[in-house]
Amino acid sequence: MNTHSHQWSEKETEEPGSEKIGERGSIGVFDSGVGGLSVWREITRELPNEDTLYVADQAHLPYGPRPLAEVRQFTEDITHFLLTQGAKLIVVACNTASGAALHYLRETFPEVPFVGMEPALKPAAEHTQTGIIGVIATPGTFQGDLFQQLAVRFANNVKIHIQPCPGLVTAVETGALDTLETRALLRQYLLPMLEANIDHLVLGCTHYPFLSQTIQEIIGPNITLIDPAPAVARQVRRVLAHHKLLVSSTRKPQHRFYTSGNPEQLATAARALVELNVTVKDWY
């Protein structure tokens, strides 16, 4: 543990007349902030009986501009915490963190199943009619090796118009989903893509699905928006099934939320973004 490490103090809670939460095993989900809630939402739709643990590392938000080594350290610290809380599988619900640290985490924690995010270049490349696709993401996602590997593997025969989008993560974190400022930012990022004749737009950051309605209004109905979260949720199901970790009974799940930032900020965002009333705890 280095200077970035947190001292975990949160203890498992118990339900009256029930086993400890965590003994059944939970799906751990983490992001730099509230963006991973777009993935959490799809996981809970796909697997409605599973317990979840969600960590928002809002003290270090945004990950996009940070050095990759620093992001790796944050993800390692969060993984340690999730494991102490009974995570049976961990979803890296952040494109920047997946690009920077997914391979590293799998090497560091070989016994833990991980599911990461990757920009959905494959379906965009397979279905494009114009041969030109767009990807919006944070600068950190485009810096990582994962994006370059995906581009070579799945999109060799198409033109990829990439657009880093500084400011959008902060807009989602602060609830500014449809303000004049956010619309101006989106137009600045998206209009060059329209001029380039893209017909598919890949959302390469888990925060961006919360801007989908505004994005679709700007790009129009003829451009297909691709959110990878539903595919990630299906992959979580497959990995849990492979490891024989799926919950077998129909039961009321437990969802726990933690942040390294302001708990009320995450609770407010959960209400606004996924219509969920939760108590958020500190994890530092």
Protein backbone atom coordinates (compact mmCIF):
# COMPACT_ATOMS: atom_id res chain seq x y z
CA MET A 1 0.00 0.00 0.00
CA ASN A 2 1.39 3.41 -0.89
CA THR A 3 0.35 6.98 -0.17
CA HIS A 4 -2.75 6.56 -2.33
CA SER A 5 -4.00 3.64 -0.27
CA HIS A 6 -7.06 3.89 1.90
CA GLN A 7 -7.43 2.38 5.33
CA TRP A 8 -10.50 0.21 5.03
CA SER A 9 -12.70 0.59 8.09
CA GLU A 10 -16.14 -0.45 6.83
CA LYS A 11 -17.32 -3.67 8.49
CA GLU A 12 -19.82 -6.15 7.12
CA THR A 13 -23.32 -5.62 8.37
CA GLU A 14 -25.71 -8.33 9.40
CA GLU A 15 -29.38 -8.82 8.67
CA PRO A 16 -31.53 -10.13 11.52
CA GLY A 17 -32.09 -13.86 11.08
CA SER A 18 -29.87 -14.03 8.04
CA GLU A 19 -26.32 -14.89 7.12
CA LYS A 20 -23.79 -12.11 6.87
CA ILE A 21 -24.11 -10.04 3.76
CA GLY A 22 -21.11 -11.03 1.71
CA GLU A 23 -21.04 -14.72 2.65
CA ARG A 24 -23.21 -15.36 -0.41
CA GLY A 25 -20.77 -13.31 -2.42
CA SER A 26 -21.55 -10.00 -4.12
CA ILE A 27 -20.85 -8.52 -7.53
CA GLY A 28 -18.33 -5.73 -6.98
CA VAL A 29 -18.63 -2.74 -9.32
CA PHE A 30 -16.35 0.29 -9.29
CA ASP A 31 -15.76 3.50 -11.19
CA SER A 32 -14.11 6.85 -10.64
CA GLY A 33 -17.58 8.23 -9.95
CA VAL A 34 -21.23 7.81 -10.87
CA GLY A 35 -20.68 6.61 -14.45
CA GLY A 36 -20.48 2.98 -13.37
CA LEU A 37 -24.10 3.27 -12.26
CA SER A 38 -25.02 2.86 -15.95
CA VAL A 39 -23.33 -0.55 -15.81
CA TRP A 40 -24.69 -1.35 -12.32
CA ARG A 41 -28.21 -0.66 -13.63
CA GLU A 42 -27.83 -3.19 -16.45
CA ILE A 43 -26.28 -5.80 -14.12
CA THR A 44 -29.22 -5.56 -11.72
CA ARG A 45 -31.66 -5.89 -14.64
CA GLU A 46 -29.82 -8.95 -15.96
CA LEU A 47 -29.25 -10.51 -12.51
CA PRO A 48 -32.04 -9.20 -10.25
CA ASN A 49 -31.32 -11.58 -7.33
CA GLU A 50 -27.60 -10.84 -6.95
CA ASP A 51 -26.07 -8.72 -4.18
CA THR A 52 -23.89 -5.84 -5.34
CA LEU A 53 -21.18 -3.61 -3.91
CA TYR A 54 -20.56 -0.28 -5.65
CA VAL A 55 -17.50 1.90 -5.08
CA ALA A 56 -17.17 5.42 -6.51
CA ASP A 57 -13.63 6.78 -6.19
CA GLN A 58 -14.85 10.37 -6.34
CA ALA A 59 -11.89 11.72 -4.35
CA HIS A 60 -9.72 10.95 -7.41
CA LEU A 61 -12.22 11.89 -10.13
CA PRO A 62 -11.70 12.13 -13.04
CA TYR A 63 -9.37 9.24 -13.95
CA GLY A 64 -9.09 10.33 -17.59
CA PRO A 65 -6.23 12.84 -17.29
CA ARG A 66 -4.26 10.87 -14.64
CA PRO A 67 -1.08 8.84 -15.32
CA LEU A 68 -1.84 5.18 -16.01
CA ALA A 69 0.34 3.99 -13.10
CA GLU A 70 -1.66 6.12 -10.69
CA VAL A 71 -4.95 4.72 -11.99
CA ARG A 72 -3.57 1.19 -11.56
CA GLN A 73 -2.82 1.91 -7.91
CA PHE A 74 -6.33 3.23 -7.29
CA THR A 75 -7.86 0.12 -8.89
CA GLU A 76 -5.67 -2.20 -6.82
CA ASP A 77 -6.71 -0.44 -3.60
CA ILE A 78 -10.40 -0.64 -4.53
CA THR A 79 -10.08 -4.32 -5.44
CA HIS A 80 -8.57 -5.08 -2.02
CA PHE A 81 -11.51 -3.31 -0.38
CA LEU A 82 -14.15 -5.09 -2.47
CA LEU A 83 -12.60 -8.45 -1.64
CA THR A 84 -12.69 -7.69 2.10
CA GLN A 85 -16.40 -6.95 1.64
CA GLY A 86 -17.15 -10.31 0.02
CA ALA A 87 -16.97 -9.61 -3.72
CA LYS A 88 -17.05 -12.83 -5.77
CA LEU A 89 -16.55 -11.05 -9.11
CA ILE A 90 -15.37 -7.50 -9.84
CA VAL A 91 -16.58 -5.30 -12.68
CA VAL A 92 -14.20 -2.50 -13.65
CA ALA A 93 -17.05 -0.20 -14.74
CA CYS A 94 -14.73 2.48 -16.10
CA ASN A 95 -13.18 2.51 -19.56
CA THR A 96 -10.11 4.46 -18.44
CA ALA A 97 -9.46 2.08 -15.53
CA SER A 98 -10.06 -0.98 -17.74
CA GLY A 99 -7.61 0.29 -20.33
CA ALA A 100 -5.00 1.17 -17.72
CA ALA A 101 -5.38 -1.68 -15.26
CA LEU A 102 -7.50 -4.68 -16.33
CA HIS A 103 -4.54 -6.85 -17.36
CA TYR A 104 -2.63 -5.71 -14.28
CA LEU A 105 -5.53 -6.60 -11.96
CA ARG A 106 -5.90 -10.06 -13.49
CA GLU A 107 -2.20 -10.70 -12.96
CA THR A 108 -2.24 -9.30 -9.40
CA PHE A 109 -5.42 -11.14 -8.33
CA PRO A 110 -5.36 -14.35 -10.43
CA GLU A 111 -8.05 -16.01 -8.31
CA VAL A 112 -10.59 -13.21 -8.89
CA PRO A 113 -12.89 -13.09 -11.96
CA PHE A 114 -12.83 -9.60 -13.50
CA VAL A 115 -15.07 -8.11 -16.17
CA GLY A 116 -13.92 -4.88 -17.77
CA MET A 117 -15.18 -2.22 -20.13
CA GLU A 118 -14.05 -1.76 -23.68
CA PRO A 119 -15.35 0.58 -26.37
CA ALA A 120 -17.81 -1.39 -28.52
CA LEU A 121 -15.87 -1.07 -31.76
CA LYS A 122 -16.80 -4.57 -32.95
CA PRO A 123 -20.58 -4.08 -33.39
CA ALA A 124 -20.04 -0.58 -34.80
CA ALA A 125 -17.53 -1.87 -37.37
CA GLU A 126 -19.75 -4.83 -38.27
CA HIS A 127 -22.87 -2.76 -38.91
CA THR A 128 -21.54 0.49 -40.41
CA GLN A 129 -22.83 1.36 -43.88
CA THR A 130 -20.65 4.41 -44.43
CA GLY A 131 -17.43 2.73 -43.26
CA ILE A 132 -16.93 5.53 -40.73
CA ILE A 133 -17.64 5.17 -37.00
CA GLY A 134 -17.21 7.60 -34.12
CA VAL A 135 -15.95 7.00 -30.59
CA ILE A 136 -16.24 9.47 -27.72
CA ALA A 137 -14.24 8.77 -24.56
CA THR A 138 -11.88 10.29 -22.02
CA PRO A 139 -8.27 11.03 -23.02
CA GLY A 140 -7.13 8.16 -20.77
CA THR A 141 -9.15 5.59 -22.72
CA PHE A 142 -7.54 6.57 -26.00
CA GLN A 143 -4.06 6.48 -24.40
CA GLY A 144 -4.40 2.88 -23.21
CA ASP A 145 -3.15 -0.15 -25.16
CA LEU A 146 -6.60 -1.74 -25.03
CA PHE A 147 -8.16 0.76 -27.43
CA GLN A 148 -5.35 0.36 -29.97
CA GLN A 149 -5.63 -3.43 -29.78
CA LEU A 150 -9.40 -3.28 -30.29
CA ALA A 151 -9.03 -0.96 -33.27
CA VAL A 152 -6.54 -3.31 -34.96
CA ARG A 153 -8.58 -6.40 -34.14
CA PHE A 154 -12.11 -5.30 -34.98
CA ALA A 155 -12.01 -2.08 -36.97
CA ASN A 156 -9.17 -2.50 -39.45
CA ASN A 157 -11.43 -1.99 -42.44
CA VAL A 158 -13.27 1.08 -41.20
CA LYS A 159 -12.31 4.65 -40.43
CA ILE A 160 -12.54 5.54 -36.73
CA HIS A 161 -13.20 9.15 -35.83
CA ILE A 162 -12.06 9.48 -32.19
CA GLN A 163 -12.98 12.41 -29.96
CA PRO A 164 -11.70 12.95 -26.40
CA CYS A 165 -14.41 14.74 -24.41
CA PRO A 166 -13.02 16.72 -21.46
CA GLY A 167 -15.77 18.12 -19.25
CA LEU A 168 -18.50 15.55 -19.87
CA VAL A 169 -17.64 13.39 -16.85
CA THR A 170 -17.85 16.45 -14.60
CA ALA A 171 -21.19 17.40 -16.19
CA VAL A 172 -22.66 13.99 -15.30
CA GLU A 173 -21.15 14.03 -11.80
CA THR A 174 -22.76 17.38 -11.08
CA GLY A 175 -26.12 16.46 -12.62
CA ALA A 176 -25.77 18.92 -15.51
CA LEU A 177 -27.21 16.48 -18.05
CA ASP A 178 -29.13 18.93 -20.20
CA THR A 179 -27.78 22.40 -19.52
CA LEU A 180 -26.79 24.95 -22.14
CA GLU A 181 -23.13 24.42 -21.23
CA THR A 182 -23.34 20.63 -21.61
CA ARG A 183 -25.19 20.92 -24.92
CA ALA A 184 -22.53 23.35 -26.18
CA LEU A 185 -19.78 20.90 -25.21
CA LEU A 186 -21.57 18.02 -26.90
CA ARG A 187 -22.12 20.00 -30.09
CA GLN A 188 -18.42 20.95 -30.11
CA TYR A 189 -17.44 17.27 -29.88
CA LEU A 190 -20.13 15.75 -32.09
CA LEU A 191 -20.54 18.12 -35.05
CA PRO A 192 -17.14 17.24 -36.60
CA MET A 193 -18.21 13.58 -36.46
CA LEU A 194 -21.43 14.36 -38.32
CA GLU A 195 -19.39 16.20 -40.95
CA ALA A 196 -17.16 13.10 -41.21
CA ASN A 197 -20.29 11.03 -42.07
CA ILE A 198 -20.25 8.57 -39.17
CA ASP A 199 -23.28 6.27 -38.89
CA HIS A 200 -22.48 4.64 -35.50
CA LEU A 201 -21.35 6.42 -32.34
CA VAL A 202 -19.70 4.38 -29.59
CA LEU A 203 -20.03 5.62 -26.01
CA GLY A 204 -16.53 4.93 -24.67
CA CYS A 205 -17.11 6.13 -21.10
CA THR A 206 -19.62 4.76 -18.60
CA HIS A 207 -20.73 8.30 -17.71
CA TYR A 208 -21.93 9.02 -21.25
CA PRO A 209 -25.09 6.81 -21.34
CA PHE A 210 -26.62 9.31 -18.94
CA LEU A 211 -26.25 11.88 -21.74
CA SER A 212 -27.75 9.57 -24.39
CA GLN A 213 -30.97 11.51 -24.86
CA THR A 214 -29.17 14.81 -25.43
CA ILE A 215 -26.55 13.14 -27.66
CA GLN A 216 -29.23 11.50 -29.81
CA GLU A 217 -31.03 14.83 -30.21
CA ILE A 218 -27.82 16.39 -31.54
CA ILE A 219 -26.73 13.56 -33.87
CA GLY A 220 -30.24 12.77 -35.12
CA PRO A 221 -32.17 9.51 -35.52
CA ASN A 222 -30.08 8.07 -38.37
CA ILE A 223 -26.94 7.53 -36.30
CA THR A 224 -26.89 4.47 -34.04
CA LEU A 225 -25.73 5.05 -30.47
CA ILE A 226 -23.90 2.09 -28.91
CA ASP A 227 -23.81 1.65 -25.13
CA PRO A 228 -21.75 -1.42 -24.09
CA ALA A 229 -23.37 -1.75 -20.63
CA PRO A 230 -26.02 -4.38 -21.58
CA ALA A 231 -23.32 -6.56 -23.18
CA VAL A 232 -21.17 -6.19 -20.05
CA ALA A 233 -24.09 -7.33 -17.89
CA ARG A 234 -24.53 -10.42 -20.08
CA GLN A 235 -20.80 -11.13 -19.75
CA VAL A 236 -21.09 -10.89 -15.94
CA ARG A 237 -23.80 -13.57 -16.09
CA ARG A 238 -21.63 -15.81 -18.30
CA VAL A 239 -18.57 -15.48 -16.05
CA LEU A 240 -20.57 -16.14 -12.87
CA ALA A 241 -22.15 -19.19 -14.50
CA HIS A 242 -18.75 -20.46 -15.64
CA HIS A 243 -17.43 -20.23 -12.07
CA LYS A 244 -20.68 -21.66 -10.64
CA LEU A 245 -21.22 -18.45 -8.66
CA LEU A 246 -24.74 -17.51 -9.74
CA VAL A 247 -27.33 -17.09 -6.99
CA SER A 248 -29.78 -19.96 -7.46
CA SER A 249 -32.78 -18.67 -5.51
CA THR A 250 -35.21 -15.82 -6.05
CA ARG A 251 -34.46 -13.48 -3.20
CA LYS A 252 -34.29 -9.82 -2.29
CA PRO A 253 -30.76 -8.61 -3.02
CA GLN A 254 -28.60 -6.33 -0.89
CA HIS A 255 -27.01 -3.34 -2.64
CA ARG A 256 -24.26 -1.44 -0.81
CA PHE A 257 -22.68 1.81 -1.95
CA TYR A 258 -19.39 3.43 -0.93
CA THR A 259 -17.48 6.52 -2.00
CA SER A 260 -14.11 8.08 -1.30
CA GLY A 261 -15.78 11.46 -1.81
CA ASN A 262 -18.99 13.01 -0.48
CA PRO A 263 -21.57 10.29 0.38
CA GLU A 264 -24.50 12.67 -0.13
CA GLN A 265 -23.27 13.53 -3.62
CA LEU A 266 -23.32 9.85 -4.66
CA ALA A 267 -26.71 9.30 -2.99
CA THR A 268 -28.15 12.30 -4.85
CA ALA A 269 -26.73 11.05 -8.15
CA ALA A 270 -28.15 7.55 -7.59
CA ARG A 271 -31.60 9.05 -7.07
CA ALA A 272 -31.34 11.25 -10.15
CA LEU A 273 -29.63 8.80 -12.53
CA VAL A 274 -31.02 5.37 -11.63
CA GLU A 275 -34.00 6.27 -9.41
CA LEU A 276 -32.50 4.52 -6.40
CA ASN A 277 -32.68 5.62 -2.78
CA VAL A 278 -29.52 4.40 -1.05
CA THR A 279 -27.39 5.05 1.99
CA VAL A 280 -23.80 5.69 0.92
CA LYS A 281 -20.88 4.98 3.25
CA ASP A 282 -17.31 6.27 3.37
CA TRP A 283 -14.58 3.81 2.48
CA TYR A 284 -11.45 5.69 3.48
